[in-house]
Amino acid sequence: MTNNSENSVLEVKEPTRAFVLEYAAGKGLTEVKDDENLLTSNIIDSLGSFRMIAFLEETFPLTIEDTDMVPENFQTLNAIEGFVFAKLGKTGGEAEVFTDAPLPAEEAAEPAMA
């Protein structure tokens, strides 16, 4: 396997694109663009989101935490690619991983139990 960035793009986007097209086949979808919003256009619905998460965990060596399950990470093929690269610690991803984890300042603001 080469570390060429073009190959890296295909390693994430193409299997994910194939999953999306298979999932949405009943809707008559035959193509999906890299920047097409999968969620707001109803290509992927709520059940599809969970199936996509399972697909990503089975396809790539990563675990998706509850805090990773925010729309920004799964809106487009570009966002999914960036998310996967970030989880794998690879460079080349364009998107950052968004989480709902509390910020350290929020944790410190909680009252201590006496």
Protein backbone atom coordinates (compact mmCIF):
# COMPACT_ATOMS: atom_id res chain seq x y z
CA MET A 1 0.00 0.00 0.00
CA THR A 2 1.33 3.44 -0.86
CA ASN A 3 1.07 6.54 1.29
CA ASN A 4 0.13 8.71 -1.67
CA SER A 5 -2.57 11.20 -0.58
CA GLU A 6 -4.68 10.43 -3.67
CA ASN A 7 -4.79 6.76 -2.64
CA SER A 8 -5.67 7.76 0.92
CA VAL A 9 -8.65 9.74 -0.36
CA LEU A 10 -9.90 6.69 -2.26
CA GLU A 11 -9.35 4.39 0.71
CA VAL A 12 -11.92 6.33 2.77
CA LYS A 13 -14.23 8.03 0.30
CA GLU A 14 -14.86 5.22 -2.17
CA PRO A 15 -15.88 2.51 0.32
CA THR A 16 -18.00 5.10 2.15
CA ARG A 17 -19.55 6.28 -1.12
CA ALA A 18 -20.37 2.63 -1.98
CA PHE A 19 -22.02 2.21 1.44
CA VAL A 20 -24.10 5.39 0.97
CA LEU A 21 -25.18 4.41 -2.53
CA GLU A 22 -26.14 0.92 -1.40
CA TYR A 23 -28.07 2.29 1.59
CA ALA A 24 -29.90 4.87 -0.53
CA ALA A 25 -30.47 2.62 -3.57
CA GLY A 26 -34.19 2.42 -2.80
CA LYS A 27 -34.40 6.20 -3.16
CA GLY A 28 -33.10 6.03 -6.73
CA LEU A 29 -29.74 7.55 -5.83
CA THR A 30 -27.01 6.65 -8.34
CA GLU A 31 -24.26 9.12 -7.37
CA VAL A 32 -23.22 11.27 -4.44
CA LYS A 33 -20.81 14.20 -4.57
CA ASP A 34 -17.99 14.61 -2.07
CA ASP A 35 -19.55 17.79 -0.66
CA GLU A 36 -23.23 16.77 -0.86
CA ASN A 37 -24.96 16.97 2.52
CA LEU A 38 -26.02 13.42 3.29
CA LEU A 39 -28.12 14.31 6.33
CA THR A 40 -30.17 17.35 5.33
CA SER A 41 -30.88 15.90 1.89
CA ASN A 42 -32.21 12.71 3.55
CA ILE A 43 -29.75 10.48 1.72
CA ILE A 44 -28.86 9.10 5.16
CA ASP A 45 -31.62 9.07 7.78
CA SER A 46 -31.31 8.33 11.51
CA LEU A 47 -31.13 4.56 11.01
CA GLY A 48 -28.62 5.09 8.22
CA SER A 49 -26.47 7.16 10.57
CA PHE A 50 -26.16 4.22 12.96
CA ARG A 51 -25.49 1.83 10.09
CA MET A 52 -22.82 4.18 8.76
CA ILE A 53 -21.13 4.31 12.16
CA ALA A 54 -21.12 0.49 12.29
CA PHE A 55 -19.77 0.40 8.71
CA LEU A 56 -16.94 2.82 9.55
CA GLU A 57 -15.97 0.84 12.67
CA GLU A 58 -15.97 -2.43 10.68
CA THR A 59 -14.09 -0.97 7.69
CA PHE A 60 -11.45 1.13 9.44
CA PRO A 61 -9.42 0.42 12.61
CA LEU A 62 -11.25 2.93 14.79
CA THR A 63 -13.86 3.20 17.50
CA ILE A 64 -16.46 5.93 17.30
CA GLU A 65 -17.26 7.28 20.74
CA ASP A 66 -20.64 8.70 21.75
CA THR A 67 -19.05 12.15 21.82
CA ASP A 68 -18.01 11.74 18.15
CA MET A 69 -21.63 11.26 17.04
CA VAL A 70 -22.36 14.80 15.96
CA PRO A 71 -23.70 15.79 12.53
CA GLU A 72 -20.57 17.77 11.58
CA ASN A 73 -18.55 14.54 11.41
CA PHE A 74 -20.94 12.76 9.03
CA GLN A 75 -22.58 15.46 6.86
CA THR A 76 -20.56 14.88 3.69
CA LEU A 77 -18.06 12.39 2.28
CA ASN A 78 -15.40 15.07 2.79
CA ALA A 79 -16.35 15.41 6.48
CA ILE A 80 -16.37 11.63 6.96
CA GLU A 81 -12.94 11.37 5.35
CA GLY A 82 -11.56 14.10 7.64
CA PHE A 83 -13.14 12.45 10.67
CA VAL A 84 -11.66 9.03 9.82
CA PHE A 85 -8.22 10.55 9.17
CA ALA A 86 -8.37 12.40 12.49
CA LYS A 87 -9.41 9.25 14.36
CA LEU A 88 -6.57 7.33 12.73
CA GLY A 89 -4.10 10.14 13.39
CA LYS A 90 -3.34 10.62 9.69
CA THR A 91 -2.70 13.90 7.94
CA GLY A 92 -4.53 14.88 4.81
CA GLY A 93 -8.02 15.07 6.26
CA GLU A 94 -9.64 18.46 5.81
CA ALA A 95 -12.19 18.34 8.60
CA GLU A 96 -11.57 18.40 12.30
CA VAL A 97 -13.34 15.96 14.61
CA PHE A 98 -16.17 17.55 16.57
CA THR A 99 -17.23 16.16 19.93
CA ASP A 100 -19.81 16.95 22.57
CA ALA A 101 -17.29 16.29 25.34
CA PRO A 102 -17.30 18.93 28.08
CA LEU A 103 -14.47 21.43 28.02
CA PRO A 104 -11.99 21.25 30.91
CA ALA A 105 -13.32 24.59 32.26
CA GLU A 106 -16.84 23.11 32.44
CA GLU A 107 -15.57 20.09 34.37
CA ALA A 108 -13.71 22.32 36.83
CA ALA A 109 -16.85 24.41 37.38
CA GLU A 110 -18.74 21.45 38.85
CA PRO A 111 -19.04 21.64 42.65
CA ALA A 112 -16.92 19.21 44.62
CA MET A 113 -18.69 16.57 46.70
CA ALA A 114 -18.01 17.03 50.42
